[in-house]
N, C-alpha and C. Protein backbone atom coordinates (compact mmCIF):
# COMPACT_ATOMS: atom_id res chain seq x y z
N PRO A 1 -8.45 -20.19 14.90
CA PRO A 1 -9.42 -19.07 14.44
C PRO A 1 -8.55 -18.18 13.37
N THR A 2 -9.43 -17.59 12.70
CA THR A 2 -8.88 -16.53 11.68
C THR A 2 -9.01 -15.14 12.14
N TYR A 3 -8.06 -14.30 12.20
CA TYR A 3 -8.04 -13.07 12.64
C TYR A 3 -7.77 -12.13 11.40
N SER A 4 -8.39 -10.91 11.58
CA SER A 4 -7.93 -9.85 10.43
C SER A 4 -7.95 -8.47 11.07
N VAL A 5 -7.19 -7.66 10.37
CA VAL A 5 -7.05 -6.31 10.80
C VAL A 5 -7.48 -5.38 9.74
N ASP A 6 -8.40 -4.50 9.87
CA ASP A 6 -8.76 -3.53 9.00
C ASP A 6 -8.45 -2.17 9.37
N ILE A 7 -7.66 -1.55 8.51
CA ILE A 7 -7.18 -0.21 8.96
C ILE A 7 -7.45 0.69 7.90
N GLU A 8 -8.20 1.90 8.08
CA GLU A 8 -8.50 2.80 7.06
C GLU A 8 -7.74 4.15 7.37
N LEU A 9 -7.15 4.66 6.50
CA LEU A 9 -6.29 5.96 6.43
C LEU A 9 -6.86 6.95 5.48
N THR A 10 -7.02 8.23 5.90
CA THR A 10 -7.20 9.21 4.95
C THR A 10 -6.03 10.20 5.14
N ILE A 11 -5.37 10.50 4.08
CA ILE A 11 -4.07 11.07 4.01
C ILE A 11 -3.98 12.13 3.08
N LEU A 12 -3.41 13.42 3.46
CA LEU A 12 -3.19 14.53 2.44
C LEU A 12 -1.86 14.31 1.90
N VAL A 13 -1.82 14.06 0.61
CA VAL A 13 -0.38 13.95 -0.12
C VAL A 13 -0.27 15.09 -1.05
N PRO A 14 0.48 16.03 -0.70
CA PRO A 14 0.62 17.21 -1.76
C PRO A 14 1.22 16.71 -3.13
N ALA A 15 0.79 17.43 -3.96
CA ALA A 15 1.25 17.02 -5.39
C ALA A 15 2.74 16.87 -5.53
N SER A 16 3.19 15.84 -6.13
CA SER A 16 4.53 15.51 -6.40
C SER A 16 5.37 15.16 -5.07
N GLN A 17 4.75 14.93 -4.00
CA GLN A 17 5.29 14.42 -2.80
C GLN A 17 5.00 12.95 -2.61
N ARG A 18 5.88 12.45 -1.72
CA ARG A 18 5.69 10.85 -1.36
C ARG A 18 5.50 10.70 0.05
N GLU A 19 4.59 9.77 0.30
CA GLU A 19 4.44 9.52 1.74
C GLU A 19 4.70 7.96 1.91
N CYS A 20 5.40 7.58 3.03
CA CYS A 20 5.61 6.10 3.16
C CYS A 20 5.08 5.69 4.41
N PHE A 21 4.61 4.46 4.50
CA PHE A 21 4.00 3.81 5.72
C PHE A 21 4.74 2.39 5.91
N HIS A 22 4.75 2.13 7.09
CA HIS A 22 5.62 0.83 7.46
C HIS A 22 4.65 -0.10 8.30
N GLN A 23 4.72 -1.37 8.02
CA GLN A 23 3.77 -2.26 8.95
C GLN A 23 4.60 -3.48 9.01
N VAL A 24 4.72 -4.07 10.24
CA VAL A 24 5.30 -5.30 10.34
C VAL A 24 4.12 -6.44 10.03
N LEU A 25 4.52 -7.25 8.98
CA LEU A 25 3.50 -8.37 8.88
C LEU A 25 4.18 -9.73 8.64
N SER A 26 3.48 -10.72 8.88
CA SER A 26 3.94 -12.17 8.82
C SER A 26 3.81 -12.88 7.59
N ALA A 27 4.75 -13.72 7.22
CA ALA A 27 4.69 -14.51 5.94
C ALA A 27 3.47 -15.43 6.01
N GLY A 28 2.92 -15.66 4.80
CA GLY A 28 1.69 -16.61 4.66
C GLY A 28 0.35 -15.62 4.81
N LYS A 29 0.47 -14.46 5.36
CA LYS A 29 -0.77 -13.68 5.54
C LYS A 29 -1.23 -13.11 4.10
N THR A 30 -2.46 -12.72 3.89
CA THR A 30 -2.78 -12.07 2.64
C THR A 30 -3.14 -10.65 2.99
N VAL A 31 -2.75 -9.68 1.99
CA VAL A 31 -2.94 -8.34 2.29
C VAL A 31 -3.81 -7.76 1.27
N ASP A 32 -4.75 -6.91 1.50
CA ASP A 32 -5.54 -6.15 0.49
C ASP A 32 -5.25 -4.84 0.65
N VAL A 33 -4.91 -3.97 -0.35
CA VAL A 33 -4.64 -2.54 -0.29
C VAL A 33 -5.60 -1.89 -1.37
N GLU A 34 -6.32 -1.08 -0.81
CA GLU A 34 -7.19 -0.07 -1.64
C GLU A 34 -6.79 1.35 -1.44
N TYR A 35 -6.85 2.07 -2.50
CA TYR A 35 -6.47 3.44 -2.54
C TYR A 35 -7.36 4.30 -3.54
N GLU A 36 -7.60 5.50 -3.20
CA GLU A 36 -8.34 6.20 -4.02
C GLU A 36 -8.08 7.72 -3.71
N VAL A 37 -7.93 8.65 -4.84
CA VAL A 37 -7.75 9.95 -4.90
C VAL A 37 -9.13 10.61 -4.69
N LEU A 38 -9.26 11.38 -3.70
CA LEU A 38 -10.57 12.09 -3.33
C LEU A 38 -10.59 13.47 -3.98
N ALA A 39 -9.45 14.17 -4.15
CA ALA A 39 -9.51 15.54 -4.72
C ALA A 39 -8.08 16.15 -4.95
N GLY A 40 -7.93 17.05 -5.74
CA GLY A 40 -6.70 17.76 -5.89
C GLY A 40 -5.89 17.28 -6.94
N GLY A 41 -4.79 18.10 -7.23
CA GLY A 41 -3.73 17.74 -8.23
C GLY A 41 -4.39 17.23 -9.61
N ASP A 42 -3.89 16.35 -10.18
CA ASP A 42 -4.28 15.76 -11.40
C ASP A 42 -5.22 14.44 -11.26
N ASN A 43 -5.76 14.41 -9.87
CA ASN A 43 -6.58 13.25 -9.48
C ASN A 43 -6.01 12.00 -9.69
N ASP A 44 -4.69 11.80 -9.66
CA ASP A 44 -3.97 10.47 -9.71
C ASP A 44 -2.93 10.36 -8.61
N ILE A 45 -2.53 9.17 -8.49
CA ILE A 45 -1.43 8.83 -7.52
C ILE A 45 -0.69 7.69 -7.96
N ASN A 46 0.58 7.70 -7.63
CA ASN A 46 1.56 6.42 -7.91
C ASN A 46 1.47 5.69 -6.47
N TYR A 47 1.64 4.30 -6.59
CA TYR A 47 1.65 3.48 -5.51
C TYR A 47 2.66 2.30 -5.60
N TRP A 48 3.31 1.97 -4.47
CA TRP A 48 4.41 0.98 -4.45
C TRP A 48 4.12 0.06 -3.12
N PHE A 49 4.46 -1.10 -3.17
CA PHE A 49 4.34 -1.98 -2.07
C PHE A 49 5.66 -2.77 -1.90
N TYR A 50 6.58 -2.55 -0.97
CA TYR A 50 7.85 -3.18 -0.79
C TYR A 50 7.94 -4.19 0.22
N ALA A 51 8.63 -5.26 -0.12
CA ALA A 51 8.95 -6.34 0.99
C ALA A 51 9.93 -5.90 1.88
N PRO A 52 10.25 -6.63 2.92
CA PRO A 52 11.29 -6.15 3.87
C PRO A 52 12.63 -6.31 3.30
N SER A 53 12.75 -7.02 2.16
CA SER A 53 14.06 -7.07 1.45
C SER A 53 14.29 -6.00 0.46
N ASN A 54 13.26 -4.93 0.56
CA ASN A 54 13.24 -3.74 -0.26
C ASN A 54 12.98 -4.12 -1.75
N ARG A 55 12.43 -5.28 -2.09
CA ARG A 55 11.96 -5.70 -3.24
C ARG A 55 10.49 -5.10 -3.58
N VAL A 56 10.32 -4.47 -4.83
CA VAL A 56 9.04 -4.09 -5.17
C VAL A 56 8.24 -5.06 -5.55
N LEU A 57 7.08 -5.45 -4.62
CA LEU A 57 5.98 -6.40 -5.01
C LEU A 57 4.99 -6.00 -5.86
N GLN A 58 4.50 -4.70 -5.78
CA GLN A 58 3.55 -4.33 -6.52
C GLN A 58 3.71 -2.80 -6.86
N SER A 59 3.16 -2.23 -7.97
CA SER A 59 3.33 -0.89 -8.20
C SER A 59 2.06 -0.57 -9.24
N ASP A 60 1.64 0.72 -9.04
CA ASP A 60 0.66 1.29 -10.04
C ASP A 60 1.06 2.78 -10.20
N PHE A 61 0.82 3.39 -11.34
CA PHE A 61 1.28 4.74 -11.67
C PHE A 61 0.00 5.48 -12.25
N GLN A 62 -0.15 6.65 -11.82
CA GLN A 62 -1.01 7.70 -12.27
C GLN A 62 -2.52 7.04 -12.37
N LYS A 63 -2.99 6.49 -11.30
CA LYS A 63 -4.25 6.01 -11.08
C LYS A 63 -5.03 6.80 -10.22
N ARG A 64 -6.35 6.86 -10.43
CA ARG A 64 -7.23 7.56 -9.49
C ARG A 64 -7.63 6.79 -8.35
N ASP A 65 -7.65 5.30 -8.69
CA ASP A 65 -7.97 4.43 -7.50
C ASP A 65 -7.38 3.06 -7.91
N GLY A 66 -7.33 2.29 -6.98
CA GLY A 66 -6.85 0.89 -7.23
C GLY A 66 -7.10 -0.09 -6.04
N HIS A 67 -6.98 -1.38 -6.34
CA HIS A 67 -7.13 -2.33 -5.37
C HIS A 67 -6.04 -3.51 -5.65
N GLN A 68 -5.26 -3.89 -4.68
CA GLN A 68 -4.28 -5.02 -4.88
C GLN A 68 -4.34 -5.90 -3.78
N THR A 69 -4.07 -7.12 -4.14
CA THR A 69 -4.05 -8.20 -3.17
C THR A 69 -2.80 -9.14 -3.44
N LEU A 70 -2.16 -9.56 -2.30
CA LEU A 70 -1.00 -10.32 -2.27
C LEU A 70 -0.78 -11.05 -1.27
N LYS A 71 -0.23 -12.31 -1.25
CA LYS A 71 -0.03 -13.16 -0.30
C LYS A 71 1.50 -13.02 0.15
N LEU A 72 1.91 -12.75 1.34
CA LEU A 72 3.18 -12.33 1.77
C LEU A 72 4.08 -13.68 1.91
N GLU A 73 5.39 -13.44 1.39
CA GLU A 73 6.26 -14.61 1.34
C GLU A 73 7.24 -14.52 2.57
N GLU A 74 7.44 -13.35 3.12
CA GLU A 74 8.52 -13.15 4.24
C GLU A 74 7.82 -12.37 5.14
N SER A 75 8.27 -12.54 6.43
CA SER A 75 8.03 -11.78 7.50
C SER A 75 8.91 -10.70 7.83
N GLY A 76 8.26 -9.53 8.27
CA GLY A 76 9.13 -8.33 8.48
C GLY A 76 8.43 -7.07 8.36
N GLU A 77 9.32 -5.97 8.02
CA GLU A 77 8.60 -4.60 7.95
C GLU A 77 8.34 -4.40 6.44
N TYR A 78 7.16 -4.20 6.07
CA TYR A 78 6.70 -3.84 4.64
C TYR A 78 6.58 -2.36 4.57
N GLN A 79 6.83 -1.81 3.33
CA GLN A 79 6.57 -0.24 3.15
C GLN A 79 5.52 -0.26 2.01
N PHE A 80 4.69 0.82 2.15
CA PHE A 80 3.80 1.10 1.05
C PHE A 80 3.55 2.72 1.01
């Protein structure tokens, strides 16, 4: 059977501040990340997705919204 987890977060990130989230994930899984600035500041945000090895897998800068998909190559604690 195929299982999926859908998590939706709405977060207040003050201008020029950074928020970091951690999630333990398994190799071979596919992750979809969507983000959107709803209000405030310059209506843009920077985004990074780090592997457990601290390698940057994806990044976007000064975007109002975005959608990223990636297949995980290692198991462990990811950061975004």
